[in-house]
Amino acid sequence: MLAAVLMLPLLAMGSPWWEDYGTKETFLCADQGPVVIERNDAQASLLMGRYRMTLFRAQQPRSGEAPIVGIVYRNELMTLILRGDQLILEQLPKRTTCMRTESV
């Protein structure tokens, strides 16, 4: 019940029409609660509560990095990795793993 109440503000928020996100997924993170990812092939929008962050699709690993399995979006602050029903948020040194609860 608490998770549903926490998700209400996330569900009410939406991206501007011009960003044209084709996929909207909700994940539950143990230490951060629910997050929503709206994405397309080029970029993703991460919504956590009232906070929104835009990340761009990474095609290659950064110099010196091992290849990452999954779909990767990045910006200067965070790396977002989608692997099946799992979402990994990296804001080094912190790494948070979340599980999918809904996909639209």
Protein backbone atom coordinates (compact mmCIF):
# COMPACT_ATOMS: atom_id res chain seq x y z
CA MET A 1 0.00 0.00 0.00
CA LEU A 2 2.82 2.40 0.91
CA ALA A 3 4.54 1.76 -2.43
CA ALA A 4 1.31 2.60 -4.27
CA VAL A 5 0.97 5.87 -2.35
CA LEU A 6 4.60 6.77 -3.05
CA MET A 7 4.12 6.09 -6.77
CA LEU A 8 1.16 8.49 -7.21
CA PRO A 9 3.31 11.59 -7.76
CA LEU A 10 5.46 9.65 -10.25
CA LEU A 11 2.47 8.49 -12.26
CA ALA A 12 1.05 12.01 -12.41
CA MET A 13 4.27 13.42 -13.85
CA GLY A 14 4.88 13.04 -17.53
CA SER A 15 7.48 14.11 -20.03
CA PRO A 16 6.83 16.86 -22.55
CA TRP A 17 5.29 15.62 -25.80
CA TRP A 18 8.33 16.62 -27.88
CA GLU A 19 10.60 14.14 -26.07
CA ASP A 20 8.53 11.27 -27.54
CA TYR A 21 9.42 8.48 -25.10
CA GLY A 22 7.95 5.23 -26.39
CA THR A 23 8.55 3.17 -23.24
CA LYS A 24 7.63 3.90 -19.63
CA GLU A 25 8.79 1.50 -16.90
CA THR A 26 8.40 1.59 -13.12
CA PHE A 27 11.00 0.05 -10.82
CA LEU A 28 11.17 -0.42 -7.05
CA CYS A 29 14.51 0.38 -5.44
CA ALA A 30 15.23 -0.85 -1.92
CA ASP A 31 16.85 2.34 -0.62
CA GLN A 32 15.12 4.92 -2.86
CA GLY A 33 11.56 3.68 -3.33
CA PRO A 34 9.87 3.71 -6.74
CA VAL A 35 11.48 5.25 -9.83
CA VAL A 36 10.11 5.68 -13.35
CA ILE A 37 12.17 5.43 -16.52
CA GLU A 38 10.76 6.93 -19.72
CA ARG A 39 12.97 6.12 -22.68
CA ASN A 40 13.47 5.84 -26.40
CA ASP A 41 16.47 4.73 -28.48
CA ALA A 42 18.43 7.96 -27.89
CA GLN A 43 17.66 9.13 -24.36
CA ALA A 44 15.97 8.34 -21.07
CA SER A 45 14.32 10.38 -18.35
CA LEU A 46 14.69 9.14 -14.77
CA LEU A 47 11.99 10.29 -12.34
CA MET A 48 12.56 9.89 -8.60
CA GLY A 49 9.88 11.66 -6.57
CA ARG A 50 9.86 15.25 -7.83
CA TYR A 51 13.36 14.94 -9.27
CA ARG A 52 13.94 14.36 -13.02
CA MET A 53 17.22 13.60 -14.78
CA THR A 54 17.88 13.16 -18.51
CA LEU A 55 20.46 10.63 -19.65
CA PHE A 56 21.65 9.79 -23.17
CA ARG A 57 22.21 6.38 -24.74
CA ALA A 58 25.81 5.16 -24.49
CA GLN A 59 26.92 3.10 -27.46
CA GLN A 60 30.39 2.17 -26.21
CA PRO A 61 32.10 1.74 -22.86
CA ARG A 62 34.22 4.64 -21.68
CA SER A 63 37.98 4.41 -22.08
CA GLY A 64 39.37 1.71 -19.79
CA GLU A 65 35.93 0.25 -18.97
CA ALA A 66 34.88 -3.32 -19.55
CA PRO A 67 31.85 -3.76 -21.84
CA ILE A 68 28.52 -3.48 -19.99
CA VAL A 69 25.77 -6.02 -20.64
CA GLY A 70 22.40 -4.31 -21.11
CA ILE A 71 21.06 -0.98 -22.35
CA VAL A 72 23.13 1.91 -20.98
CA TYR A 73 22.20 5.59 -20.60
CA ARG A 74 24.59 8.16 -19.11
CA ASN A 75 25.08 11.75 -18.15
CA GLU A 76 27.84 13.49 -16.21
CA LEU A 77 26.37 12.37 -12.85
CA MET A 78 24.92 8.90 -13.34
CA THR A 79 24.93 5.69 -15.37
CA LEU A 80 21.65 3.82 -15.81
CA ILE A 81 21.81 0.16 -16.91
CA LEU A 82 18.73 -1.82 -17.95
CA ARG A 83 19.18 -5.58 -17.85
CA GLY A 84 15.89 -7.48 -18.29
CA ASP A 85 13.69 -6.69 -15.26
CA GLN A 86 16.61 -5.14 -13.41
CA LEU A 87 17.64 -1.48 -13.31
CA ILE A 88 21.07 -0.53 -12.01
CA LEU A 89 21.73 3.10 -11.04
CA GLU A 90 25.43 3.96 -10.69
CA GLN A 91 26.49 7.17 -9.06
CA LEU A 92 29.95 6.05 -8.08
CA PRO A 93 30.85 4.87 -5.55
CA LYS A 94 27.16 4.09 -4.93
CA ARG A 95 25.35 1.40 -6.94
CA THR A 96 21.61 0.75 -6.50
CA THR A 97 19.73 -2.22 -7.96
CA CYS A 98 15.99 -1.96 -8.64
CA MET A 99 13.37 -4.44 -9.91
CA ARG A 100 10.70 -3.75 -12.55
CA THR A 101 7.14 -3.49 -11.25
CA GLU A 102 5.37 -2.21 -14.38
CA SER A 103 6.05 -1.61 -18.07
CA VAL A 104 3.90 0.41 -20.49
